[in-house]
Amino acid sequence: MAITVTEAAARHIKGQLSRRGKGLGIRLGVRTSGCSGMAYVLEFVDVVDDGDQVFEDHEVKVFIDPKSMVYLDGTELDFVKEGLNEGLQFNNPNAASECGCGESFNVDAG
């Protein structure tokens, strides 16, 4: 089980944490929502929750709760710029389909 972070995403996350002035890293999770069934949830982490799995890549810590890990195992966080748009991108091998905006996804039940 692993979550990875590209160098570009790590620079972006470190910058956000620096501007915020505190934080241990980010928490990546999922919730039922979005046009494809599940939506990604990102938040800053100031306190580690019991059961969190912690992954560190390029000096950035990513915290995942056990329920979300099933859907996120193998995911790579990247930071991309496309024209005037920029943001974190989730390269999730578990996603069977994604919505057009890339903020929600669906997994095969099989």
PDB file of N, CA and C in Angstrom:
ATOM      1  N   MET A   1       0.847  -1.185   0.000  1.00  0.00           N
ATOM      2  CA  MET A   1       0.000   0.000   0.000  1.00  0.00           C
ATOM      3  C   MET A   1       0.885   1.239   0.000  1.00  0.00           C
ATOM      4  N   ALA A   2       0.554   2.156  -0.903  1.00  0.00           N
ATOM      5  CA  ALA A   2       1.384   3.353  -0.977  1.00  0.00           C
ATOM      6  C   ALA A   2       0.642   4.501  -1.640  1.00  0.00           C
ATOM      7  N   ILE A   3       1.014   5.690  -1.239  1.00  0.00           N
ATOM      8  CA  ILE A   3       0.593   6.941  -1.861  1.00  0.00           C
ATOM      9  C   ILE A   3       1.890   7.658  -2.218  1.00  0.00           C
ATOM     10  N   THR A   4       1.986   8.187  -3.437  1.00  0.00           N
ATOM     11  CA  THR A   4       3.195   8.903  -3.830  1.00  0.00           C
ATOM     12  C   THR A   4       2.864  10.351  -4.189  1.00  0.00           C
ATOM     13  N   VAL A   5       3.894  11.175  -4.122  1.00  0.00           N
ATOM     14  CA  VAL A   5       3.775  12.606  -4.396  1.00  0.00           C
ATOM     15  C   VAL A   5       4.884  12.977  -5.376  1.00  0.00           C
ATOM     16  N   THR A   6       4.536  13.625  -6.471  1.00  0.00           N
ATOM     17  CA  THR A   6       5.561  14.069  -7.413  1.00  0.00           C
ATOM     18  C   THR A   6       6.306  15.260  -6.819  1.00  0.00           C
ATOM     19  N   GLU A   7       7.475  15.573  -7.407  1.00  0.00           N
ATOM     20  CA  GLU A   7       8.234  16.738  -6.941  1.00  0.00           C
ATOM     21  C   GLU A   7       7.423  18.019  -7.079  1.00  0.00           C
ATOM     22  N   ALA A   8       6.689  18.158  -8.179  1.00  0.00           N
ATOM     23  CA  ALA A   8       5.882  19.363  -8.397  1.00  0.00           C
ATOM     24  C   ALA A   8       4.797  19.493  -7.326  1.00  0.00           C
ATOM     25  N   ALA A   9       4.137  18.388  -6.993  1.00  0.00           N
ATOM     26  CA  ALA A   9       3.102  18.414  -5.961  1.00  0.00           C
ATOM     27  C   ALA A   9       3.719  18.720  -4.600  1.00  0.00           C
ATOM     28  N   ALA A  10       4.888  18.142  -4.328  1.00  0.00           N
ATOM     29  CA  ALA A  10       5.562  18.394  -3.051  1.00  0.00           C
ATOM     30  C   ALA A  10       5.906  19.870  -2.900  1.00  0.00           C
ATOM     31  N   ARG A  11       6.410  20.508  -3.957  1.00  0.00           N
ATOM     32  CA  ARG A  11       6.718  21.947  -3.901  1.00  0.00           C
ATOM     33  C   ARG A  11       5.458  22.751  -3.605  1.00  0.00           C
ATOM     34  N   HIS A  12       4.371  22.399  -4.272  1.00  0.00           N
ATOM     35  CA  HIS A  12       3.106  23.112  -4.067  1.00  0.00           C
ATOM     36  C   HIS A  12       2.612  22.943  -2.629  1.00  0.00           C
ATOM     37  N   ILE A  13       2.606  21.719  -2.135  1.00  0.00           N
ATOM     38  CA  ILE A  13       2.119  21.446  -0.775  1.00  0.00           C
ATOM     39  C   ILE A  13       2.996  22.140   0.257  1.00  0.00           C
ATOM     40  N   LYS A  14       4.315  22.076   0.095  1.00  0.00           N
ATOM     41  CA  LYS A  14       5.225  22.753   1.026  1.00  0.00           C
ATOM     42  C   LYS A  14       4.960  24.248   1.030  1.00  0.00           C
ATOM     43  N   GLY A  15       4.721  24.823  -0.151  1.00  0.00           N
ATOM     44  CA  GLY A  15       4.423  26.248  -0.240  1.00  0.00           C
ATOM     45  C   GLY A  15       3.141  26.604   0.494  1.00  0.00           C
ATOM     46  N   GLN A  16       2.110  25.769   0.338  1.00  0.00           N
ATOM     47  CA  GLN A  16       0.839  26.014   1.019  1.00  0.00           C
ATOM     48  C   GLN A  16       1.003  25.907   2.537  1.00  0.00           C
ATOM     49  N   LEU A  17       1.743  24.903   2.986  1.00  0.00           N
ATOM     50  CA  LEU A  17       1.987  24.750   4.421  1.00  0.00           C
ATOM     51  C   LEU A  17       2.798  25.921   4.965  1.00  0.00           C
ATOM     52  N   SER A  18       3.766  26.400   4.197  1.00  0.00           N
ATOM     53  CA  SER A  18       4.585  27.532   4.616  1.00  0.00           C
ATOM     54  C   SER A  18       3.733  28.791   4.738  1.00  0.00           C
ATOM     55  N   ARG A  19       2.889  29.054   3.750  1.00  0.00           N
ATOM     56  CA  ARG A  19       2.013  30.226   3.806  1.00  0.00           C
ATOM     57  C   ARG A  19       1.038  30.133   4.975  1.00  0.00           C
ATOM     58  N   ARG A  20       0.608  28.930   5.263  1.00  0.00           N
ATOM     59  CA  ARG A  20      -0.326  28.706   6.377  1.00  0.00           C
ATOM     60  C   ARG A  20       0.374  28.917   7.716  1.00  0.00           C
ATOM     61  N   GLY A  21       1.670  28.597   7.760  1.00  0.00           N
ATOM     62  CA  GLY A  21       2.447  28.812   8.973  1.00  0.00           C
ATOM     63  C   GLY A  21       2.457  27.657   9.949  1.00  0.00           C
ATOM     64  N   LYS A  22       1.768  26.588   9.638  1.00  0.00           N
ATOM     65  CA  LYS A  22       1.757  25.402  10.503  1.00  0.00           C
ATOM     66  C   LYS A  22       1.205  24.230   9.717  1.00  0.00           C
ATOM     67  N   GLY A  23       1.355  23.044  10.301  1.00  0.00           N
ATOM     68  CA  GLY A  23       0.806  21.840   9.686  1.00  0.00           C
ATOM     69  C   GLY A  23       1.844  20.750   9.547  1.00  0.00           C
ATOM     70  N   LEU A  24       1.389  19.511   9.751  1.00  0.00           N
ATOM     71  CA  LEU A  24       2.257  18.342   9.637  1.00  0.00           C
ATOM     72  C   LEU A  24       2.301  17.812   8.213  1.00  0.00           C
ATOM     73  N   GLY A  25       1.270  18.124   7.435  1.00  0.00           N
ATOM     74  CA  GLY A  25       1.148  17.626   6.071  1.00  0.00           C
ATOM     75  C   GLY A  25      -0.278  17.808   5.610  1.00  0.00           C
ATOM     76  N   ILE A  26      -0.715  16.929   4.696  1.00  0.00           N
ATOM     77  CA  ILE A  26      -2.092  16.989   4.213  1.00  0.00           C
ATOM     78  C   ILE A  26      -2.771  15.650   4.403  1.00  0.00           C
ATOM     79  N   ARG A  27      -4.086  15.686   4.568  1.00  0.00           N
ATOM     80  CA  ARG A  27      -4.879  14.464   4.648  1.00  0.00           C
ATOM     81  C   ARG A  27      -5.631  14.332   3.336  1.00  0.00           C
ATOM     82  N   LEU A  28      -5.521  13.161   2.733  1.00  0.00           N
ATOM     83  CA  LEU A  28      -6.247  12.831   1.520  1.00  0.00           C
ATOM     84  C   LEU A  28      -7.262  11.768   1.884  1.00  0.00           C
ATOM     85  N   GLY A  29      -8.506  12.020   1.528  1.00  0.00           N
ATOM     86  CA  GLY A  29      -9.556  11.063   1.824  1.00  0.00           C
ATOM     87  C   GLY A  29     -10.579  11.066   0.705  1.00  0.00           C
ATOM     88  N   VAL A  30     -11.627  10.284   0.896  1.00  0.00           N
ATOM     89  CA  VAL A  30     -12.731  10.241  -0.053  1.00  0.00           C
ATOM     90  C   VAL A  30     -14.033  10.348   0.722  1.00  0.00           C
ATOM     91  N   ARG A  31     -15.055  10.849   0.029  1.00  0.00           N
ATOM     92  CA  ARG A  31     -16.398  10.864   0.588  1.00  0.00           C
ATOM     93  C   ARG A  31     -17.358  10.537  -0.548  1.00  0.00           C
ATOM     94  N   THR A  32     -18.511  10.035  -0.201  1.00  0.00           N
ATOM     95  CA  THR A  32     -19.521   9.740  -1.209  1.00  0.00           C
ATOM     96  C   THR A  32     -20.126  11.057  -1.656  1.00  0.00           C
ATOM     97  N   SER A  33     -19.969  11.339  -2.946  1.00  0.00           N
ATOM     98  CA  SER A  33     -20.457  12.603  -3.493  1.00  0.00           C
ATOM     99  C   SER A  33     -19.984  12.732  -4.923  1.00  0.00           C
ATOM    100  N   GLY A  34     -20.193  13.887  -5.486  1.00  0.00           N
ATOM    101  CA  GLY A  34     -19.681  14.155  -6.820  1.00  0.00           C
ATOM    102  C   GLY A  34     -20.514  13.496  -7.896  1.00  0.00           C
ATOM    103  N   CYS A  35     -20.239  13.879  -9.114  1.00  0.00           N
ATOM    104  CA  CYS A  35     -21.035  13.373 -10.232  1.00  0.00           C
ATOM    105  C   CYS A  35     -20.655  11.949 -10.611  1.00  0.00           C
ATOM    106  N   SER A  36     -19.558  11.425 -10.102  1.00  0.00           N
ATOM    107  CA  SER A  36     -19.158  10.051 -10.434  1.00  0.00           C
ATOM    108  C   SER A  36     -19.243   9.102  -9.249  1.00  0.00           C
ATOM    109  N   GLY A  37     -19.699   9.556  -8.094  1.00  0.00           N
ATOM    110  CA  GLY A  37     -19.894   8.645  -6.967  1.00  0.00           C
ATOM    111  C   GLY A  37     -19.047   8.931  -5.749  1.00  0.00           C
ATOM    112  N   MET A  38     -17.749   9.209  -5.940  1.00  0.00           N
ATOM    113  CA  MET A  38     -16.866   9.488  -4.811  1.00  0.00           C
ATOM    114  C   MET A  38     -16.068  10.740  -5.125  1.00  0.00           C
ATOM    115  N   ALA A  39     -15.832  11.549  -4.108  1.00  0.00           N
ATOM    116  CA  ALA A  39     -15.070  12.782  -4.298  1.00  0.00           C
ATOM    117  C   ALA A  39     -13.837  12.765  -3.399  1.00  0.00           C
ATOM    118  N   TYR A  40     -12.766  13.347  -3.911  1.00  0.00           N
ATOM    119  CA  TYR A  40     -11.544  13.485  -3.124  1.00  0.00           C
ATOM    120  C   TYR A  40     -11.728  14.604  -2.109  1.00  0.00           C
ATOM    121  N   VAL A  41     -11.120  14.417  -0.937  1.00  0.00           N
ATOM    122  CA  VAL A  41     -11.147  15.425   0.116  1.00  0.00           C
ATOM    123  C   VAL A  41      -9.705  15.679   0.529  1.00  0.00           C
ATOM    124  N   LEU A  42      -9.303  16.950   0.538  1.00  0.00           N
ATOM    125  CA  LEU A  42      -7.967  17.353   0.976  1.00  0.00           C
ATOM    126  C   LEU A  42      -8.094  18.342   2.119  1.00  0.00           C
ATOM    127  N   GLU A  43      -7.268  18.178   3.140  1.00  0.00           N
ATOM    128  CA  GLU A  43      -7.251  19.139   4.239  1.00  0.00           C
ATOM    129  C   GLU A  43      -5.874  19.139   4.889  1.00  0.00           C
ATOM    130  N   PHE A  44      -5.549  20.230   5.547  1.00  0.00           N
ATOM    131  CA  PHE A  44      -4.293  20.307   6.271  1.00  0.00           C
ATOM    132  C   PHE A  44      -4.392  19.464   7.532  1.00  0.00           C
ATOM    133  N   VAL A  45      -3.268  18.916   7.963  1.00  0.00           N
ATOM    134  CA  VAL A  45      -3.221  18.090   9.173  1.00  0.00           C
ATOM    135  C   VAL A  45      -2.390  18.797  10.228  1.00  0.00           C
ATOM    136  N   ASP A  46      -3.030  19.057  11.368  1.00  0.00           N
ATOM    137  CA  ASP A  46      -2.317  19.622  12.516  1.00  0.00           C
ATOM    138  C   ASP A  46      -2.146  18.577  13.609  1.00  0.00           C
ATOM    139  N   VAL A  47      -3.051  17.588  13.624  1.00  0.00           N
ATOM    140  CA  VAL A  47      -3.022  16.518  14.623  1.00  0.00           C
ATOM    141  C   VAL A  47      -3.279  15.198  13.898  1.00  0.00           C
ATOM    142  N   VAL A  48      -2.481  14.195  14.211  1.00  0.00           N
ATOM    143  CA  VAL A  48      -2.628  12.877  13.598  1.00  0.00           C
ATOM    144  C   VAL A  48      -3.807  12.163  14.250  1.00  0.00           C
ATOM    145  N   ASP A  49      -4.703  11.609  13.430  1.00  0.00           N
ATOM    146  CA  ASP A  49      -5.834  10.832  13.944  1.00  0.00           C
ATOM    147  C   ASP A  49      -5.411   9.394  14.173  1.00  0.00           C
ATOM    148  N   ASP A  50      -6.031   8.745  15.162  1.00  0.00           N
ATOM    149  CA  ASP A  50      -5.774   7.323  15.394  1.00  0.00           C
ATOM    150  C   ASP A  50      -6.103   6.553  14.128  1.00  0.00           C
ATOM    151  N   GLY A  51      -5.237   5.660  13.747  1.00  0.00           N
ATOM    152  CA  GLY A  51      -5.477   4.824  12.581  1.00  0.00           C
ATOM    153  C   GLY A  51      -4.967   5.394  11.274  1.00  0.00           C
ATOM    154  N   ASP A  52      -4.571   6.669  11.281  1.00  0.00           N
ATOM    155  CA  ASP A  52      -4.035   7.260  10.054  1.00  0.00           C
ATOM    156  C   ASP A  52      -2.824   6.487   9.558  1.00  0.00           C
ATOM    157  N   GLN A  53      -2.769   6.260   8.250  1.00  0.00           N
ATOM    158  CA  GLN A  53      -1.550   5.756   7.643  1.00  0.00           C
ATOM    159  C   GLN A  53      -0.811   6.981   7.111  1.00  0.00           C
ATOM    160  N   VAL A  54       0.491   7.005   7.295  1.00  0.00           N
ATOM    161  CA  VAL A  54       1.286   8.159   6.901  1.00  0.00           C
ATOM    162  C   VAL A  54       2.283   7.737   5.830  1.00  0.00           C
ATOM    163  N   PHE A  55       2.280   8.484   4.743  1.00  0.00           N
ATOM    164  CA  PHE A  55       3.216   8.255   3.643  1.00  0.00           C
ATOM    165  C   PHE A  55       4.023   9.526   3.467  1.00  0.00           C
ATOM    166  N   GLU A  56       5.334   9.373   3.305  1.00  0.00           N
ATOM    167  CA  GLU A  56       6.191  10.546   3.098  1.00  0.00           C
ATOM    168  C   GLU A  56       6.930  10.395   1.777  1.00  0.00           C
ATOM    169  N   ASP A  57       6.869  11.451   0.975  1.00  0.00           N
ATOM    170  CA  ASP A  57       7.511  11.453  -0.329  1.00  0.00           C
ATOM    171  C   ASP A  57       7.971  12.885  -0.598  1.00  0.00           C
ATOM    172  N   HIS A  58       9.206  13.060  -0.987  1.00  0.00           N
ATOM    173  CA  HIS A  58       9.789  14.385  -1.246  1.00  0.00           C
ATOM    174  C   HIS A  58       9.571  15.323  -0.055  1.00  0.00           C
ATOM    175  N   GLU A  59       9.728  14.775   1.151  1.00  0.00           N
ATOM    176  CA  GLU A  59       9.636  15.529   2.402  1.00  0.00           C
ATOM    177  C   GLU A  59       8.245  16.092   2.667  1.00  0.00           C
ATOM    178  N   VAL A  60       7.216  15.462   2.106  1.00  0.00           N
ATOM    179  CA  VAL A  60       5.831  15.841   2.356  1.00  0.00           C
ATOM    180  C   VAL A  60       5.110  14.626   2.926  1.00  0.00           C
ATOM    181  N   LYS A  61       4.361  14.839   4.004  1.00  0.00           N
ATOM    182  CA  LYS A  61       3.593  13.752   4.616  1.00  0.00           C
ATOM    183  C   LYS A  61       2.141  13.820   4.144  1.00  0.00           C
ATOM    184  N   VAL A  62       1.651  12.634   3.743  1.00  0.00           N
ATOM    185  CA  VAL A  62       0.258  12.482   3.344  1.00  0.00           C
ATOM    186  C   VAL A  62      -0.385  11.501   4.315  1.00  0.00           C
ATOM    187  N   PHE A  63      -1.478  11.921   4.929  1.00  0.00           N
ATOM    188  CA  PHE A  63      -2.191  11.115   5.914  1.00  0.00           C
ATOM    189  C   PHE A  63      -3.463  10.577   5.277  1.00  0.00           C
ATOM    190  N   ILE A  64      -3.722   9.281   5.488  1.00  0.00           N
ATOM    191  CA  ILE A  64      -4.897   8.625   4.906  1.00  0.00           C
ATOM    192  C   ILE A  64      -5.609   7.846   6.009  1.00  0.00           C
ATOM    193  N   ASP A  65      -6.930   8.033   6.110  1.00  0.00           N
ATOM    194  CA  ASP A  65      -7.691   7.242   7.073  1.00  0.00           C
ATOM    195  C   ASP A  65      -7.911   5.840   6.494  1.00  0.00           C
ATOM    196  N   PRO A  66      -8.091   4.840   7.348  1.00  0.00           N
ATOM    197  CA  PRO A  66      -8.199   3.449   6.872  1.00  0.00           C
ATOM    198  C   PRO A  66      -9.328   3.214   5.867  1.00  0.00           C
ATOM    199  N   LYS A  67     -10.479   3.857   6.026  1.00  0.00           N
ATOM    200  CA  LYS A  67     -11.606   3.638   5.113  1.00  0.00           C
ATOM    201  C   LYS A  67     -11.298   4.172   3.718  1.00  0.00           C
ATOM    202  N   SER A  68     -10.568   5.278   3.638  1.00  0.00           N
ATOM    203  CA  SER A  68     -10.229   5.870   2.336  1.00  0.00           C
ATOM    204  C   SER A  68      -9.118   5.099   1.638  1.00  0.00           C
ATOM    205  N   MET A  69      -8.271   4.427   2.423  1.00  0.00           N
ATOM    206  CA  MET A  69      -7.098   3.760   1.838  1.00  0.00           C
ATOM    207  C   MET A  69      -7.497   2.728   0.786  1.00  0.00           C
ATOM    208  N   VAL A  70      -8.619   2.067   0.980  1.00  0.00           N
ATOM    209  CA  VAL A  70      -9.093   1.057   0.032  1.00  0.00           C
ATOM    210  C   VAL A  70      -9.250   1.671  -1.364  1.00  0.00           C
ATOM    211  N   TYR A  71      -9.706   2.913  -1.430  1.00  0.00           N
ATOM    212  CA  TYR A  71      -9.963   3.581  -2.708  1.00  0.00           C
ATOM    213  C   TYR A  71      -8.756   4.346  -3.247  1.00  0.00           C
ATOM    214  N   LEU A  72      -7.775   4.602  -2.378  1.00  0.00           N
ATOM    215  CA  LEU A  72      -6.657   5.466  -2.747  1.00  0.00           C
ATOM    216  C   LEU A  72      -5.322   4.755  -2.901  1.00  0.00           C
ATOM    217  N   ASP A  73      -5.252   3.486  -2.554  1.00  0.00           N
ATOM    218  CA  ASP A  73      -3.989   2.757  -2.632  1.00  0.00           C
ATOM    219  C   ASP A  73      -3.397   2.871  -4.042  1.00  0.00           C
ATOM    220  N   GLY A  74      -2.149   3.288  -4.111  1.00  0.00           N
ATOM    221  CA  GLY A  74      -1.459   3.419  -5.389  1.00  0.00           C
ATOM    222  C   GLY A  74      -1.609   4.781  -6.043  1.00  0.00           C
ATOM    223  N   THR A  75      -2.356   5.685  -5.416  1.00  0.00           N
ATOM    224  CA  THR A  75      -2.593   7.005  -6.001  1.00  0.00           C
ATOM    225  C   THR A  75      -1.334   7.859  -5.970  1.00  0.00           C
ATOM    226  N   GLU A  76      -1.124   8.600  -7.051  1.00  0.00           N
ATOM    227  CA  GLU A  76      -0.036   9.575  -7.141  1.00  0.00           C
ATOM    228  C   GLU A  76      -0.651  10.970  -7.161  1.00  0.00           C
ATOM    229  N   LEU A  77      -0.158  11.844  -6.283  1.00  0.00           N
ATOM    230  CA  LEU A  77      -0.558  13.245  -6.302  1.00  0.00           C
ATOM    231  C   LEU A  77       0.428  13.997  -7.170  1.00  0.00           C
ATOM    232  N   ASP A  78      -0.096  14.756  -8.105  1.00  0.00           N
ATOM    233  CA  ASP A  78       0.737  15.558  -8.998  1.00  0.00           C
ATOM    234  C   ASP A  78       0.196  16.982  -8.987  1.00  0.00           C
ATOM    235  N   PHE A  79       1.022  17.925  -9.371  1.00  0.00           N
ATOM    236  CA  PHE A  79       0.591  19.315  -9.514  1.00  0.00           C
ATOM    237  C   PHE A  79       0.776  19.672 -10.972  1.00  0.00           C
ATOM    238  N   VAL A  80      -0.306  20.061 -11.617  1.00  0.00           N
ATOM    239  CA  VAL A  80      -0.253  20.339 -13.049  1.00  0.00           C
ATOM    240  C   VAL A  80      -0.757  21.741 -13.357  1.00  0.00           C
ATOM    241  N   LYS A  81      -0.179  22.299 -14.426  1.00  0.00           N
ATOM    242  CA  LYS A  81      -0.625  23.584 -14.958  1.00  0.00           C
ATOM    243  C   LYS A  81      -1.060  23.344 -16.385  1.00  0.00           C
ATOM    244  N   GLU A  82      -2.291  23.695 -16.697  1.00  0.00           N
ATOM    245  CA  GLU A  82      -2.819  23.561 -18.046  1.00  0.00           C
ATOM    246  C   GLU A  82      -3.476  24.883 -18.420  1.00  0.00           C
ATOM    247  N   GLY A  83      -2.802  25.653 -19.250  1.00  0.00           N
ATOM    248  CA  GLY A  83      -3.312  26.973 -19.604  1.00  0.00           C
ATOM    249  C   GLY A  83      -3.350  27.855 -18.373  1.00  0.00           C
ATOM    250  N   LEU A  84      -4.510  28.411 -18.077  1.00  0.00           N
ATOM    251  CA  LEU A  84      -4.663  29.272 -16.907  1.00  0.00           C
ATOM    252  C   LEU A  84      -5.008  28.499 -15.648  1.00  0.00           C
ATOM    253  N   ASN A  85      -5.258  27.208 -15.785  1.00  0.00           N
ATOM    254  CA  ASN A  85      -5.644  26.376 -14.645  1.00  0.00           C
ATOM    255  C   ASN A  85      -4.436  25.662 -14.061  1.00  0.00           C
ATOM    256  N   GLU A  86      -4.440  25.541 -12.758  1.00  0.00           N
ATOM    257  CA  GLU A  86      -3.404  24.765 -12.077  1.00  0.00           C
ATOM    258  C   GLU A  86      -4.005  24.154 -10.829  1.00  0.00           C
ATOM    259  N   GLY A  87      -3.447  23.022 -10.408  1.00  0.00           N
ATOM    260  CA  GLY A  87      -3.934  22.388  -9.193  1.00  0.00           C
ATOM    261  C   GLY A  87      -3.420  20.975  -9.046  1.00  0.00           C
ATOM    262  N   LEU A  88      -3.780  20.382  -7.919  1.00  0.00           N
ATOM    263  CA  LEU A  88      -3.398  19.000  -7.662  1.00  0.00           C
ATOM    264  C   LEU A  88      -4.233  18.070  -8.527  1.00  0.00           C
ATOM    265  N   GLN A  89      -3.577  17.047  -9.023  1.00  0.00           N
ATOM    266  CA  GLN A  89      -4.225  16.035  -9.850  1.00  0.00           C
ATOM    267  C   GLN A  89      -4.025  14.688  -9.173  1.00  0.00           C
ATOM    268  N   PHE A  90      -5.058  13.871  -9.180  1.00  0.00           N
ATOM    269  CA  PHE A  90      -5.015  12.567  -8.540  1.00  0.00           C
ATOM    270  C   PHE A  90      -4.925  11.500  -9.621  1.00  0.00           C
ATOM    271  N   ASN A  91      -3.806  10.808  -9.702  1.00  0.00           N
ATOM    272  CA  ASN A  91      -3.629   9.704 -10.637  1.00  0.00           C
ATOM    273  C   ASN A  91      -3.909   8.425  -9.859  1.00  0.00           C
ATOM    274  N   ASN A  92      -5.180   8.006  -9.898  1.00  0.00           N
ATOM    275  CA  ASN A  92      -5.666   6.917  -9.065  1.00  0.00           C
ATOM    276  C   ASN A  92      -5.907   5.669  -9.916  1.00  0.00           C
ATOM    277  N   PRO A  93      -5.108   4.612  -9.714  1.00  0.00           N
ATOM    278  CA  PRO A  93      -5.287   3.392 -10.506  1.00  0.00           C
ATOM    279  C   PRO A  93      -6.577   2.645 -10.180  1.00  0.00           C
ATOM    280  N   ASN A  94      -7.231   2.992  -9.083  1.00  0.00           N
ATOM    281  CA  ASN A  94      -8.470   2.329  -8.681  1.00  0.00           C
ATOM    282  C   ASN A  94      -9.706   2.937  -9.337  1.00  0.00           C
ATOM    283  N   ALA A  95      -9.553   4.099  -9.946  1.00  0.00           N
ATOM    284  CA  ALA A  95     -10.693   4.786 -10.546  1.00  0.00           C
ATOM    285  C   ALA A  95     -11.071   4.127 -11.871  1.00  0.00           C
ATOM    286  N   ALA A  96     -12.295   3.628 -11.948  1.00  0.00           N
ATOM    287  CA  ALA A  96     -12.786   3.032 -13.184  1.00  0.00           C
ATOM    288  C   ALA A  96     -13.209   4.120 -14.156  1.00  0.00           C
ATOM    289  N   SER A  97     -13.688   5.241 -13.613  1.00  0.00           N
ATOM    290  CA  SER A  97     -14.068   6.395 -14.424  1.00  0.00           C
ATOM    291  C   SER A  97     -13.989   7.643 -13.555  1.00  0.00           C
ATOM    292  N   GLU A  98     -13.844   8.788 -14.216  1.00  0.00           N
ATOM    293  CA  GLU A  98     -13.788  10.068 -13.517  1.00  0.00           C
ATOM    294  C   GLU A  98     -14.755  11.022 -14.179  1.00  0.00           C
ATOM    295  N   CYS A  99     -15.177  12.022 -13.416  1.00  0.00           N
ATOM    296  CA  CYS A  99     -16.017  13.053 -14.006  1.00  0.00           C
ATOM    297  C   CYS A  99     -15.129  13.981 -14.838  1.00  0.00           C
ATOM    298  N   GLY A 100     -15.723  14.847 -15.601  1.00  0.00           N
ATOM    299  CA  GLY A 100     -14.966  15.743 -16.471  1.00  0.00           C
ATOM    300  C   GLY A 100     -14.050  16.687 -15.730  1.00  0.00           C
ATOM    301  N   CYS A 101     -14.411  17.056 -14.500  1.00  0.00           N
ATOM    302  CA  CYS A 101     -13.579  18.006 -13.752  1.00  0.00           C
ATOM    303  C   CYS A 101     -12.456  17.314 -12.993  1.00  0.00           C
ATOM    304  N   GLY A 102     -12.483  15.979 -12.887  1.00  0.00           N
ATOM    305  CA  GLY A 102     -11.425  15.240 -12.207  1.00  0.00           C
ATOM    306  C   GLY A 102     -11.505  15.265 -10.695  1.00  0.00           C
ATOM    307  N   GLU A 103     -12.601  15.794 -10.152  1.00  0.00           N
ATOM    308  CA  GLU A 103     -12.739  15.882  -8.700  1.00  0.00           C
ATOM    309  C   GLU A 103     -13.508  14.718  -8.088  1.00  0.00           C
ATOM    310  N   SER A 104     -14.138  13.911  -8.929  1.00  0.00           N
ATOM    311  CA  SER A 104     -14.825  12.735  -8.393  1.00  0.00           C
ATOM    312  C   SER A 104     -14.553  11.543  -9.305  1.00  0.00           C
ATOM    313  N   PHE A 105     -14.769  10.359  -8.755  1.00  0.00           N
ATOM    314  CA  PHE A 105     -14.441   9.145  -9.495  1.00  0.00           C
ATOM    315  C   PHE A 105     -15.368   8.020  -9.068  1.00  0.00           C
ATOM    316  N   ASN A 106     -15.309   6.945  -9.822  1.00  0.00           N
ATOM    317  CA  ASN A 106     -16.084   5.756  -9.565  1.00  0.00           C
ATOM    318  C   ASN A 106     -15.145   4.557  -9.583  1.00  0.00           C
ATOM    319  N   VAL A 107     -15.422   3.560  -8.765  1.00  0.00           N
ATOM    320  CA  VAL A 107     -14.616   2.334  -8.778  1.00  0.00           C
ATOM    321  C   VAL A 107     -15.514   1.179  -9.176  1.00  0.00           C
ATOM    322  N   ASP A 108     -14.908   0.174  -9.829  1.00  0.00           N
ATOM    323  CA  ASP A 108     -15.654  -1.021 -10.200  1.00  0.00           C
ATOM    324  C   ASP A 108     -15.952  -1.833  -8.951  1.00  0.00           C
ATOM    325  N   ALA A 109     -17.145  -2.323  -8.843  1.00  0.00           N
ATOM    326  CA  ALA A 109     -17.525  -3.143  -7.692  1.00  0.00           C
ATOM    327  C   ALA A 109     -16.964  -4.553  -7.823  1.00  0.00           C
ATOM    328  N   GLY A 110     -16.575  -4.942  -9.012  1.00  0.00           N
ATOM    329  CA  GLY A 110     -16.110  -6.303  -9.259  1.00  0.00           C
ATOM    330  C   GLY A 110     -14.729  -6.473  -8.855  1.00  0.00           C
TER     331      GLY A 110
END
